[in-house]
């Protein structure tokens, strides 16, 4: 039997080292699905419950493996469903290749069933590379370029293949005019270093500073050792953008933790008081949390010149790989003798972690969500991977989770979409089946799509050598982050028709799938529950009944935010009294430690 276009596609993916494709079937990709069958399911066709989840799984896989994630969907509605996950990849700079079907070429332009203008649909999200393949000879170069472009630009790309073409005989490009060949699969990794003169200028700025602050993002992940060396030489503290939370462990005394609305007080104070700022591999967008303009001299290092010098008026901008550029910078730095700035940072960090632990111990009704993550931090395996969903779960992940060892973590950073927590965890398990994975997910996200993806976990868990995949649900029957945003930003009371969720027994659903199921409604049971979940022989769901009135108060709450919450109370918030009491008890731990009643 001759090789079809679908057969060639599957074979070429295998040659690229693709081990699984996150997908959902449909007749627009029947030719490709059949090819998976003829190839004995190599690479593996991982069936998600929804195309959006397939895209999120590909994003999670790419984030935690460092390799291109691949997702596959049918024409029309299937392709449309991929968009949210692909935008997540685009905004977080993650390499993902989307392969989508299209109506047969003979029907194009005829308003045929499920015919959608896919090139128009994908031209923004896959702006780095998007092509429709219309003849077999076009496919090798198109597929290879989609993968190479995704890797090189750290962005999603897309390949559109009409249904009838998938079943045609594959014929390679010929050595003649208007035929485009392709070279064998090869992964190219560049290590660009900024010019020597610019590196020297950056060293001059850093050497002149007396109070140096460093901000790292996910682009510094391959440069952790170099960041530590620069911090030691300059006496700097290191704050972390949310996507860079796992760049450095939180047991380093000068690591101030997250920055921004979900950030820590030490990060806020360091940025407020520094006179020099070094940004490494971060495109952190909230400039109000950086030093005031004119307060600090700035240096930025980023691999992509398109995203440099656009968040803070940096004096020196170094376009290059973080690790190689920092290695060139280190010999030019003078070791700082005065340790007063560093001592202040370390004292603030120690005090902050004490405050966080005390806040987690504040009584709640029934469980304080901060305590959920604090108890996890004490037990988190050093090689664990942690995913978090958007919503209030992201607050507790950002502030309360203490990274140590080789722990990895991520969430939807820039798009901040709901729903990726569980599919990210699935992608992480396919990237590292030997590592434990924990997903921190709100009940809103679980009802949106997390429950369905528990089915995917149950289906594929036998492939994972380490069965630990724990989905922790913050069960408070409230779309909590939006509720607090209504209060703090709009001065509006909670609108229960919009914000209150139906009550669901998440543990019971997990139990019906053969997963370990644990329900917690007493804070004293949390530690043992985590111990059981992290030692279970199957993936587990930890259904924790949390108090929705524990406020995600930033340590640098503005007067405007306080005024807005007060207005919400005066307008008749349904939980006004308890909200105020819980907020006061929590905030008191920053200023009056131990005030819990």
Protein backbone atom coordinates (compact mmCIF):
# COMPACT_ATOMS: atom_id res chain seq x y z
CA UNK A 1 0.00 0.00 0.00
CA UNK A 2 1.41 3.41 -0.95
CA UNK A 3 2.08 6.01 1.72
CA UNK A 4 -0.65 8.63 2.03
CA UNK A 5 -0.25 12.26 3.00
CA UNK A 6 -1.66 11.32 6.43
CA UNK A 7 0.90 8.51 6.73
CA UNK A 8 3.74 10.85 5.85
CA UNK A 9 2.54 13.42 8.41
CA UNK A 10 2.51 10.85 11.21
CA UNK A 11 5.90 9.43 10.16
CA UNK A 12 7.49 12.86 9.98
CA UNK A 13 6.19 13.77 13.44
CA UNK A 14 7.79 10.57 14.71
CA UNK A 15 11.07 11.53 13.02
CA UNK A 16 10.92 14.87 14.81
CA UNK A 17 10.77 13.00 18.11
CA UNK A 18 7.12 13.81 18.79
CA UNK A 19 5.93 11.15 21.24
CA UNK A 20 2.29 12.16 21.55
CA UNK A 21 -0.26 14.36 19.85
CA UNK A 22 -3.02 15.83 22.03
CA UNK A 23 -6.16 15.60 19.97
CA UNK A 24 -9.84 15.03 19.43
CA UNK A 25 -11.10 13.21 16.30
CA UNK A 26 -13.54 14.36 13.63
CA UNK A 27 -14.25 13.62 10.00
CA UNK A 28 -12.14 16.58 8.88
CA UNK A 29 -9.04 14.65 9.98
CA UNK A 30 -10.16 11.10 9.20
CA UNK A 31 -7.20 10.58 6.89
CA UNK A 32 -4.76 11.51 9.67
CA UNK A 33 -6.59 9.48 12.32
CA UNK A 34 -6.45 6.42 10.07
CA UNK A 35 -2.72 7.00 9.63
CA UNK A 36 -2.22 6.89 13.41
CA UNK A 37 -3.87 3.46 13.33
CA UNK A 38 -1.60 2.20 10.56
CA UNK A 39 1.42 3.52 12.50
CA UNK A 40 0.46 1.47 15.59
CA UNK A 41 -0.34 4.70 17.42
CA UNK A 42 3.22 6.05 17.27
CA UNK A 43 3.24 8.88 18.13
CA UNK A 44 0.46 8.32 20.62
CA UNK A 45 -2.93 9.87 19.89
CA UNK A 46 -3.91 11.29 23.31
CA UNK A 47 -7.66 11.81 23.28
CA UNK A 48 -8.71 14.83 25.33
CA UNK A 49 -12.35 15.43 26.20
CA UNK A 50 -12.46 18.68 24.19
CA UNK A 51 -10.23 20.33 21.61
CA UNK A 52 -9.51 23.29 23.90
CA UNK A 53 -8.19 20.83 26.45
CA UNK A 54 -6.01 19.21 23.81
CA UNK A 55 -4.44 22.61 23.13
CA UNK A 56 -3.91 23.25 26.85
CA UNK A 57 -2.34 19.81 27.22
CA UNK A 58 0.05 20.62 24.38
CA UNK A 59 0.91 23.92 26.11
CA UNK A 60 1.51 22.16 29.43
CA UNK A 61 3.65 19.54 27.73
CA UNK A 62 5.72 22.23 26.00
CA UNK A 63 6.15 24.29 29.17
CA UNK A 64 7.43 21.38 31.23
CA UNK A 65 9.36 19.44 28.57
CA UNK A 66 10.98 22.32 26.74
CA UNK A 67 9.92 20.65 23.48
CA UNK A 68 7.26 21.51 20.94
CA UNK A 69 3.74 20.47 21.92
CA UNK A 70 1.50 19.20 19.13
CA UNK A 71 -2.31 19.31 19.03
CA UNK A 72 -4.69 18.06 16.37
CA UNK A 73 -8.33 18.90 15.64
CA UNK A 74 -10.91 18.56 12.93
CA UNK A 75 -12.15 21.32 10.66
CA UNK A 76 -14.70 23.99 11.62
CA UNK A 77 -15.74 23.74 15.27
CA UNK A 78 -12.78 21.58 16.25
CA UNK A 79 -10.31 24.12 14.90
CA UNK A 80 -12.23 26.95 16.59
CA UNK A 81 -12.04 25.18 19.94
CA UNK A 82 -8.23 25.13 19.80
CA UNK A 83 -8.00 28.92 19.82
CA UNK A 84 -8.00 29.63 23.56
CA UNK A 85 -5.19 27.17 24.24
CA UNK A 86 -3.20 28.49 21.30
CA UNK A 87 -3.57 32.08 22.53
CA UNK A 88 -2.33 30.84 25.90
CA UNK A 89 0.76 29.54 24.09
CA UNK A 90 1.18 32.78 22.13
CA UNK A 91 0.99 35.07 25.15
CA UNK A 92 3.25 32.89 27.32
CA UNK A 93 5.76 32.31 24.48
CA UNK A 94 5.40 28.55 24.25
CA UNK A 95 6.15 26.44 21.13
CA UNK A 96 3.02 24.58 19.98
CA UNK A 97 2.11 23.25 16.53
CA UNK A 98 -1.60 22.95 15.70
CA UNK A 99 -2.63 20.64 12.88
CA UNK A 100 -6.21 21.10 11.71
CA UNK A 101 -8.39 19.62 9.01
CA UNK A 102 -10.37 21.52 6.41
CA UNK A 103 -13.26 20.68 4.12
CA UNK A 104 -12.34 18.90 0.90
CA UNK A 105 -10.73 21.13 -1.70
CA UNK A 106 -13.56 20.50 -4.17
CA UNK A 107 -16.07 22.00 -1.72
CA UNK A 108 -14.05 25.05 -0.63
CA UNK A 109 -15.87 28.29 -1.18
CA UNK A 110 -19.22 26.52 -1.45
CA UNK A 111 -20.50 27.24 2.08
CA UNK A 112 -20.09 23.55 2.79
CA UNK A 113 -20.78 21.97 6.18
CA UNK A 114 -18.16 22.98 8.77
CA UNK A 115 -16.36 25.17 6.24
CA UNK A 116 -14.67 28.01 8.09
CA UNK A 117 -12.06 30.41 6.75
CA UNK A 118 -9.29 28.90 8.84
CA UNK A 119 -6.53 31.10 7.46
CA UNK A 120 -8.39 34.18 8.64
CA UNK A 121 -9.27 32.47 11.93
CA UNK A 122 -5.67 31.53 12.74
CA UNK A 123 -3.75 34.41 11.18
CA UNK A 124 -3.32 36.26 14.48
CA UNK A 125 -2.74 33.41 16.91
CA UNK A 126 -0.40 31.60 14.47
CA UNK A 127 1.15 34.74 13.00
CA UNK A 128 4.66 33.28 13.15
CA UNK A 129 3.76 30.58 10.62
CA UNK A 130 0.44 29.53 9.12
CA UNK A 131 -0.03 27.59 5.90
CA UNK A 132 -2.70 25.59 4.13
CA UNK A 133 -1.29 22.53 2.37
CA UNK A 134 -2.98 21.94 -0.98
CA UNK A 135 -0.72 19.43 -2.76
CA UNK A 136 1.31 16.51 -1.34
CA UNK A 137 4.65 17.99 -2.45
CA UNK A 138 4.04 20.99 -0.20
CA UNK A 139 3.79 19.02 3.04
CA UNK A 140 7.41 18.21 3.99
CA UNK A 141 8.56 21.80 3.97
CA UNK A 142 5.33 23.08 5.53
CA UNK A 143 5.40 20.65 8.47
CA UNK A 144 9.11 21.04 9.10
CA UNK A 145 8.89 24.80 8.95
CA UNK A 146 5.90 24.85 11.32
CA UNK A 147 7.96 22.95 13.90
CA UNK A 148 11.12 24.99 13.36
CA UNK A 149 9.21 28.28 13.50
CA UNK A 150 7.47 27.25 16.72
CA UNK A 151 10.82 26.39 18.30
CA UNK A 152 12.64 29.48 17.05
CA UNK A 153 9.92 31.99 17.92
CA UNK A 154 8.57 30.20 21.03
CA UNK A 155 5.07 30.60 19.64
CA UNK A 156 2.18 28.60 18.18
CA UNK A 157 2.15 27.77 14.49
CA UNK A 158 -0.58 26.09 12.45
CA UNK A 159 -0.89 23.68 9.55
CA UNK A 160 -4.21 23.34 7.67
CA UNK A 161 -4.67 20.11 5.67
CA UNK A 162 -7.88 19.55 3.66
CA UNK A 163 -9.61 16.24 4.29
CA UNK A 164 -9.30 14.81 0.78
CA UNK A 165 -5.59 15.63 0.58
CA UNK A 166 -4.90 13.54 3.70
CA UNK A 167 -5.88 10.38 1.81
CA UNK A 168 -3.95 11.10 -1.38
CA UNK A 169 -0.69 9.32 -2.14
CA UNK A 170 2.27 11.19 -0.76
CA UNK A 171 4.73 12.37 -3.37
CA UNK A 172 7.85 14.26 -2.25
CA UNK A 173 8.86 17.58 -3.78
CA UNK A 174 10.78 17.25 -7.04
CA UNK A 175 14.08 18.88 -7.99
CA UNK A 176 12.53 21.46 -10.28
CA UNK A 177 11.14 24.98 -10.48
CA UNK A 178 8.50 25.92 -7.87
CA UNK A 179 9.11 22.80 -5.76
CA UNK A 180 10.39 23.44 -2.21
CA UNK A 181 12.44 20.73 -0.46
CA UNK A 182 13.13 20.31 3.23
CA UNK A 183 16.05 19.07 5.31
CA UNK A 184 16.02 16.26 7.90
CA UNK A 185 14.56 17.08 11.34
CA UNK A 186 17.04 18.81 13.61
CA UNK A 187 16.50 20.91 16.71
CA UNK A 188 18.48 24.15 16.67
CA UNK A 189 19.34 25.86 19.95
CA UNK A 190 20.94 29.29 19.74
CA UNK A 191 23.00 30.88 22.50
CA UNK A 192 23.25 34.51 21.45
CA UNK A 193 25.34 36.85 23.59
CA UNK A 194 25.00 40.62 23.52
CA UNK A 195 27.97 42.62 22.12
CA UNK A 196 30.93 43.16 24.47
CA UNK A 197 30.56 46.92 24.57
CA UNK A 198 26.94 46.72 25.63
CA UNK A 199 27.75 44.11 28.28
CA UNK A 200 30.42 46.44 29.65
CA UNK A 201 27.91 49.30 29.78
CA UNK A 202 25.53 47.07 31.73
CA UNK A 203 28.32 46.21 34.18
CA UNK A 204 28.99 49.91 34.72
CA UNK A 205 25.35 50.49 35.68
CA UNK A 206 25.24 47.52 38.07
CA UNK A 207 28.60 48.37 39.67
CA UNK A 208 27.44 51.93 40.33
CA UNK A 209 24.33 50.79 42.15
CA UNK A 210 24.12 50.59 45.93
CA UNK A 211 20.70 48.96 46.20
CA UNK A 212 20.37 46.49 43.34
CA UNK A 213 17.16 44.57 42.63
CA UNK A 214 16.83 41.72 40.15
CA UNK A 215 13.59 40.64 38.49
CA UNK A 216 13.59 37.24 36.76
CA UNK A 217 11.00 35.68 34.48
CA UNK A 218 10.69 32.37 32.70
CA UNK A 219 13.41 33.44 30.25
CA UNK A 220 15.93 33.12 33.10
CA UNK A 221 15.11 29.46 33.78
CA UNK A 222 18.23 28.24 32.00
CA UNK A 223 20.33 30.80 33.85
CA UNK A 224 19.53 30.08 37.50
CA UNK A 225 23.19 29.56 38.48
CA UNK A 226 24.23 32.75 36.72
CA UNK A 227 21.44 34.78 38.36
CA UNK A 228 22.59 33.52 41.76
CA UNK A 229 26.16 34.55 41.01
CA UNK A 230 25.13 38.04 39.95
CA UNK A 231 22.97 38.38 43.08
CA UNK A 232 25.91 37.38 45.28
CA UNK A 233 28.29 39.82 43.59
CA UNK A 234 25.94 42.80 43.64
CA UNK A 235 24.25 42.08 46.99
CA UNK A 236 20.90 42.12 45.20
CA UNK A 237 17.60 40.59 46.11
CA UNK A 238 15.70 38.60 43.47
CA UNK A 239 11.99 38.98 42.78
CA UNK A 240 10.17 36.59 40.47
CA UNK A 241 7.52 37.27 37.84
CA UNK A 242 4.71 34.72 38.04
CA UNK A 243 5.95 32.63 35.10
CA UNK A 244 9.42 32.69 36.64
CA UNK A 245 8.32 31.45 40.05
CA UNK A 246 10.35 28.25 39.66
CA UNK A 247 13.57 29.92 38.42
CA UNK A 248 15.06 30.11 41.93
CA UNK A 249 14.03 28.26 45.10
CA UNK A 250 12.33 30.17 47.89
CA UNK A 251 14.73 28.85 50.51
CA UNK A 252 17.38 31.28 49.27
CA UNK A 253 17.22 34.08 51.86
CA UNK A 254 17.44 36.89 49.29
CA UNK A 255 14.64 35.61 47.03
CA UNK A 256 11.71 37.92 47.73
CA UNK A 257 9.07 35.85 45.91
CA UNK A 258 6.42 36.91 43.45
CA UNK A 259 5.91 40.47 42.29
CA UNK A 260 2.76 42.33 41.34
CA UNK A 261 -0.85 42.11 42.44
CA UNK A 262 -0.26 38.49 43.51
CA UNK A 263 3.13 39.35 44.93
CA UNK A 264 4.80 39.63 48.32
CA UNK A 265 5.60 42.53 50.59
CA UNK A 266 9.42 42.02 50.32
CA UNK A 267 9.21 42.24 46.52
CA UNK A 268 7.11 45.38 46.75
CA UNK A 269 9.49 47.01 49.25
CA UNK A 270 12.60 46.04 47.28
CA UNK A 271 11.25 47.65 44.12
CA UNK A 272 10.12 50.69 46.09
CA UNK A 273 13.57 51.28 47.59
CA UNK A 274 16.11 50.08 44.99
CA UNK A 275 18.35 52.38 42.95
CA UNK A 276 19.27 49.83 40.25
CA UNK A 277 17.13 47.24 38.46
CA UNK A 278 18.26 44.22 36.43
CA UNK A 279 15.49 42.44 34.50
CA UNK A 280 16.35 38.98 33.17
CA UNK A 281 14.02 37.07 30.84
CA UNK A 282 10.82 38.79 31.93
CA UNK A 283 8.14 40.77 30.14
CA UNK A 284 6.29 41.55 33.41
CA UNK A 285 3.57 43.98 32.26
CA UNK A 286 2.54 45.80 35.45
CA UNK A 287 5.00 48.67 35.53
CA UNK A 288 3.37 50.21 38.60
CA UNK A 289 5.05 47.48 40.66
CA UNK A 290 8.50 48.37 39.32
CA UNK A 291 10.54 51.33 40.59
CA UNK A 292 9.19 54.77 39.83
CA UNK A 293 10.50 56.27 36.62
CA UNK A 294 13.79 58.02 37.32
CA UNK A 295 14.27 56.24 40.66
CA UNK A 296 16.49 53.43 39.40
CA UNK A 297 18.94 52.87 36.57
CA UNK A 298 17.92 49.81 34.59
CA UNK A 299 19.43 46.95 32.62
CA UNK A 300 17.39 44.33 30.78
CA UNK A 301 18.41 41.00 29.23
CA UNK A 302 16.06 39.20 26.85
CA UNK A 303 16.46 36.81 23.95
CA UNK A 304 13.82 38.66 21.95
CA UNK A 305 14.50 42.26 21.04
CA UNK A 306 10.81 42.86 20.39
CA UNK A 307 10.07 42.69 24.11
CA UNK A 308 12.95 44.69 25.53
CA UNK A 309 12.87 48.16 27.05
CA UNK A 310 9.09 48.31 26.93
CA UNK A 311 8.10 47.97 30.62
CA UNK A 312 10.66 50.20 32.32
CA UNK A 313 12.94 52.93 30.90
CA UNK A 314 16.03 50.73 30.97
CA UNK A 315 19.35 52.39 30.24
CA UNK A 316 21.10 49.34 28.74
CA UNK A 317 19.26 46.61 26.80
CA UNK A 318 21.09 43.36 26.09
CA UNK A 319 19.52 41.14 23.46
CA UNK A 320 20.82 37.64 24.04
CA UNK A 321 20.42 34.33 25.79
CA UNK A 322 20.16 34.88 29.55
CA UNK A 323 22.80 32.34 30.61
CA UNK A 324 25.48 33.25 28.06
CA UNK A 325 24.92 36.97 28.50
CA UNK A 326 25.14 36.77 32.29
CA UNK A 327 28.29 34.66 32.01
CA UNK A 328 29.83 37.44 29.94
CA UNK A 329 28.67 40.01 32.50
CA UNK A 330 29.89 38.29 35.69
CA UNK A 331 33.66 38.89 35.23
CA UNK A 332 32.99 42.62 34.88
CA UNK A 333 31.08 42.94 38.16
CA UNK A 334 32.74 44.11 41.37
CA UNK A 335 31.81 42.29 44.57
CA UNK A 336 29.92 44.62 46.89
CA UNK A 337 31.32 44.84 50.41
CA UNK A 338 28.51 46.73 52.13
CA UNK A 339 25.81 44.19 53.06
CA UNK A 340 23.25 46.57 54.59
CA UNK A 341 20.90 46.40 51.60
CA UNK A 342 21.12 42.61 51.42
CA UNK A 343 20.61 42.28 55.19
CA UNK A 344 17.44 44.37 54.96
CA UNK A 345 16.12 42.19 52.13
CA UNK A 346 16.86 38.95 53.97
CA UNK A 347 15.23 40.23 57.15
CA UNK A 348 12.12 41.27 55.19
CA UNK A 349 11.97 37.87 53.49
CA UNK A 350 12.23 35.98 56.79
CA UNK A 351 9.55 38.16 58.36
CA UNK A 352 7.30 37.67 55.33
CA UNK A 353 7.40 33.88 55.46
CA UNK A 354 6.58 34.04 59.16
CA UNK A 355 3.61 36.28 58.31
CA UNK A 356 2.44 33.93 55.54
CA UNK A 357 2.48 30.96 57.90
CA UNK A 358 0.52 32.91 60.51
CA UNK A 359 -2.03 34.02 57.94
CA UNK A 360 -2.49 30.41 56.89
CA UNK A 361 -3.29 29.49 60.51
CA UNK A 362 -6.04 32.10 60.87
CA UNK A 363 -9.31 30.21 61.53
CA UNK A 364 -11.78 30.12 58.66
CA UNK A 365 -15.12 28.55 57.83
CA UNK A 366 -14.35 25.74 57.33
CA UNK A 367 -10.79 25.75 55.84
CA UNK A 368 -8.45 28.65 55.18
CA UNK A 369 -7.30 28.26 51.53
CA UNK A 370 -3.88 29.64 52.38
CA UNK A 371 -3.35 26.74 54.74
CA UNK A 372 -4.06 24.30 51.90
CA UNK A 373 -0.96 25.49 50.05
CA UNK A 374 1.14 26.00 53.18
CA UNK A 375 0.56 22.38 54.17
CA UNK A 376 1.48 21.31 50.64
CA UNK A 377 4.71 23.32 50.75
CA UNK A 378 5.90 21.35 53.77
CA UNK A 379 5.36 18.06 51.90
CA UNK A 380 6.04 18.90 48.28
CA UNK A 381 8.53 16.42 46.77
CA UNK A 382 11.70 18.11 45.50
CA UNK A 383 11.04 16.90 41.95
CA UNK A 384 7.33 17.79 41.82
CA UNK A 385 5.59 19.79 39.10
CA UNK A 386 2.84 22.19 40.20
CA UNK A 387 0.20 23.71 37.94
CA UNK A 388 -2.31 26.33 39.00
CA UNK A 389 -5.50 27.58 37.47
CA UNK A 390 -6.57 31.18 37.14
CA UNK A 391 -8.67 32.67 39.90
CA UNK A 392 -8.00 32.89 43.62
CA UNK A 393 -6.05 29.61 43.38
CA UNK A 394 -3.39 31.62 41.54
CA UNK A 395 -3.07 33.92 44.58
CA UNK A 396 -2.28 31.07 46.93
CA UNK A 397 0.07 29.47 44.39
CA UNK A 398 1.93 32.77 43.92
CA UNK A 399 2.26 33.76 47.58
CA UNK A 400 2.07 30.61 49.68
CA UNK A 401 3.81 27.90 47.66
CA UNK A 402 7.49 27.64 48.54
CA UNK A 403 9.57 26.39 45.62
CA UNK A 404 12.53 24.22 46.54
CA UNK A 405 14.79 21.65 44.95
CA UNK A 406 13.92 20.97 41.32
CA UNK A 407 10.22 21.85 41.66
CA UNK A 408 8.70 23.23 38.47
CA UNK A 409 5.53 25.28 38.30
CA UNK A 410 3.41 27.22 35.84
CA UNK A 411 -0.02 28.59 35.04
CA UNK A 412 -1.65 30.71 32.35
CA UNK A 413 0.43 33.79 33.01
CA UNK A 414 -0.47 36.43 30.45
CA UNK A 415 -3.80 35.26 29.07
CA UNK A 416 -4.86 34.25 32.61
CA UNK A 417 -7.57 32.07 31.15
CA UNK A 418 -9.66 29.74 33.26
CA UNK A 419 -9.32 26.04 32.78
CA UNK A 420 -5.70 25.07 32.08
CA UNK A 421 -4.82 23.73 35.55
CA UNK A 422 -5.87 20.10 35.00
CA UNK A 423 -4.89 19.82 31.30
CA UNK A 424 -1.51 21.39 32.10
CA UNK A 425 -1.08 18.63 34.70
CA UNK A 426 -1.87 16.01 32.05
CA UNK A 427 0.66 17.56 29.68
CA UNK A 428 3.19 17.59 32.52
CA UNK A 429 2.64 13.88 33.21
CA UNK A 430 3.27 13.05 29.54
CA UNK A 431 6.41 15.21 29.64
CA UNK A 432 7.65 13.65 32.88
CA UNK A 433 5.76 10.44 33.72
CA UNK A 434 8.31 9.76 36.46
CA UNK A 435 7.58 12.95 38.42
CA UNK A 436 4.69 13.76 40.79
CA UNK A 437 2.32 16.48 39.60
CA UNK A 438 -0.03 18.66 41.64
CA UNK A 439 -2.76 20.88 40.16
CA UNK A 440 -4.21 23.69 42.30
CA UNK A 441 -7.65 24.41 40.87
CA UNK A 442 -10.69 26.42 41.91
CA UNK A 443 -14.14 24.86 41.77
CA UNK A 444 -15.13 27.25 38.98
CA UNK A 445 -12.40 25.85 36.74
CA UNK A 446 -13.28 22.30 37.79
CA UNK A 447 -16.87 22.83 36.72
CA UNK A 448 -15.78 24.53 33.51
CA UNK A 449 -13.62 21.65 32.30
CA UNK A 450 -11.52 20.05 35.03
CA UNK A 451 -14.09 17.40 35.89
CA UNK A 452 -14.15 16.12 32.32
CA UNK A 453 -10.36 15.93 32.17
CA UNK A 454 -10.31 13.70 35.24
CA UNK A 455 -11.62 11.12 32.76
CA UNK A 456 -8.50 11.68 30.67
CA UNK A 457 -6.32 11.19 33.75
CA UNK A 458 -8.10 7.93 34.56
CA UNK A 459 -7.71 6.73 30.98
CA UNK A 460 -3.98 7.35 30.58
CA UNK A 461 -2.62 6.96 34.08
CA UNK A 462 -1.31 3.47 33.32
CA UNK A 463 1.33 5.11 31.11
CA UNK A 464 2.86 7.03 34.01
CA UNK A 465 5.58 5.31 36.04
CA UNK A 466 4.83 7.62 38.99
CA UNK A 467 1.07 7.53 39.53
CA UNK A 468 1.01 10.67 41.67
CA UNK A 469 -1.16 13.25 39.94
CA UNK A 470 -3.06 15.21 42.58
CA UNK A 471 -5.85 17.62 41.67
CA UNK A 472 -6.57 19.85 44.66
CA UNK A 473 -9.93 21.62 44.41
CA UNK A 474 -10.52 24.85 46.36
CA UNK A 475 -14.20 24.10 46.94
CA UNK A 476 -15.92 27.32 48.05
CA UNK A 477 -18.95 27.46 45.72
CA UNK A 478 -17.87 30.91 44.57
CA UNK A 479 -16.18 32.38 41.51
CA UNK A 480 -13.94 33.86 44.11
CA UNK A 481 -11.41 35.98 42.25
CA UNK A 482 -14.11 37.85 40.35
CA UNK A 483 -16.11 38.31 43.56
CA UNK A 484 -13.11 40.01 45.16
CA UNK A 485 -12.40 42.02 42.02
CA UNK A 486 -15.99 43.30 42.09
CA UNK A 487 -15.44 44.37 45.68
CA UNK A 488 -11.91 45.77 45.42
CA UNK A 489 -11.99 47.33 41.96
CA UNK A 490 -15.61 48.20 41.40
CA UNK A 491 -16.92 48.80 44.90
CA UNK A 492 -19.76 46.40 44.11
CA UNK A 493 -21.16 43.78 46.47
CA UNK A 494 -21.13 40.13 45.50
CA UNK A 495 -23.86 39.43 42.92
CA UNK A 496 -24.88 35.93 43.88
CA UNK A 497 -26.63 35.03 40.62
CA UNK A 498 -23.33 35.59 38.82
CA UNK A 499 -20.88 34.41 41.44
CA UNK A 500 -22.37 31.49 43.36
CA UNK A 501 -21.62 28.02 41.98
CA UNK A 502 -23.75 24.88 42.27
CA UNK A 503 -22.41 22.51 44.91
CA UNK A 504 -20.64 19.49 43.44
CA UNK A 505 -19.06 16.51 45.17
CA UNK A 506 -15.73 16.45 43.33
CA UNK A 507 -14.40 13.58 45.41
CA UNK A 508 -17.42 11.44 44.57
CA UNK A 509 -16.88 11.99 40.86
CA UNK A 510 -13.20 11.07 41.19
CA UNK A 511 -14.14 7.94 43.14
CA UNK A 512 -16.50 6.89 40.34
CA UNK A 513 -13.48 6.92 37.98
CA UNK A 514 -11.37 4.73 40.24
CA UNK A 515 -9.21 7.58 41.46
CA UNK A 516 -8.24 8.21 45.06
CA UNK A 517 -10.81 10.61 46.51
CA UNK A 518 -10.32 12.67 49.67
CA UNK A 519 -12.70 15.24 51.16
CA UNK A 520 -11.45 17.75 53.75
CA UNK A 521 -13.72 20.03 55.77
CA UNK A 522 -11.56 20.32 58.92
CA UNK A 523 -8.26 22.21 58.74
CA UNK A 524 -6.68 19.78 61.18
CA UNK A 525 -7.12 17.02 58.60
CA UNK A 526 -5.25 18.84 55.85
CA UNK A 527 -1.76 17.54 56.59
CA UNK A 528 -2.84 13.92 56.67
CA UNK A 529 -4.91 14.43 53.53
CA UNK A 530 -1.91 15.74 51.62
CA UNK A 531 0.21 12.84 52.93
CA UNK A 532 -2.36 10.36 51.67
CA UNK A 533 -2.76 12.06 48.27
CA UNK A 534 1.00 12.28 47.72
CA UNK A 535 1.52 8.62 48.56
CA UNK A 536 -1.55 7.18 46.80
CA UNK A 537 -1.22 4.34 44.31
CA UNK A 538 -3.50 6.17 41.87
CA UNK A 539 -4.05 9.79 40.85
CA UNK A 540 -6.03 11.63 43.51
CA UNK A 541 -8.56 14.40 43.92
CA UNK A 542 -8.33 16.43 47.12
CA UNK A 543 -11.69 18.14 47.60
CA UNK A 544 -11.09 20.87 50.21
CA UNK A 545 -14.06 22.87 51.48
CA UNK A 546 -12.65 26.41 51.72
CA UNK A 547 -13.84 29.71 53.08
CA UNK A 548 -14.68 32.13 50.21
CA UNK A 549 -14.34 35.11 52.56
CA UNK A 550 -10.59 34.73 53.11
CA UNK A 551 -9.42 37.78 51.18
CA UNK A 552 -6.63 37.63 48.60
CA UNK A 553 -5.42 40.99 49.96
CA UNK A 554 -2.18 42.14 48.34
CA UNK A 555 0.39 43.23 50.95
CA UNK A 556 0.45 46.60 49.19
CA UNK A 557 -3.30 47.21 48.96
CA UNK A 558 -3.99 50.75 47.78
CA UNK A 559 -6.25 53.24 49.48
CA UNK A 560 -8.52 53.01 46.42
CA UNK A 561 -8.87 49.25 46.83
CA UNK A 562 -9.66 49.59 50.53
CA UNK A 563 -12.23 52.28 49.74
CA UNK A 564 -13.84 50.07 47.07
CA UNK A 565 -14.19 47.13 49.46
CA UNK A 566 -15.73 49.48 52.04
CA UNK A 567 -18.22 50.67 49.44
CA UNK A 568 -19.09 47.07 48.62
CA UNK A 569 -19.87 46.47 52.30
CA UNK A 570 -22.00 49.59 52.54
CA UNK A 571 -23.95 48.50 49.46
CA UNK A 572 -25.02 45.33 51.20
CA UNK A 573 -22.56 42.55 50.41
CA UNK A 574 -24.26 39.30 51.52
CA UNK A 575 -21.27 38.29 53.66
CA UNK A 576 -20.29 41.79 54.78
CA UNK A 577 -19.66 41.16 58.48
CA UNK A 578 -17.72 37.94 58.03
CA UNK A 579 -15.78 39.39 55.10
CA UNK A 580 -14.61 42.32 57.25
CA UNK A 581 -13.77 40.10 60.21
CA UNK A 582 -11.84 37.61 58.09
CA UNK A 583 -9.97 40.39 56.32
CA UNK A 584 -8.97 42.07 59.57
CA UNK A 585 -7.77 38.82 61.11
CA UNK A 586 -5.70 38.03 58.04
CA UNK A 587 -4.21 41.49 57.60
CA UNK A 588 -3.42 41.72 61.30
CA UNK A 589 -0.78 39.02 60.90
CA UNK A 590 1.40 41.49 58.98
CA UNK A 591 1.37 44.04 61.78
CA UNK A 592 0.21 42.25 64.95
CA UNK A 593 1.44 38.65 64.70
CA UNK A 594 -0.69 36.10 66.47
CA UNK A 595 -3.97 38.07 66.39
CA UNK A 596 -6.24 35.26 65.21
CA UNK A 597 -9.49 35.77 66.99
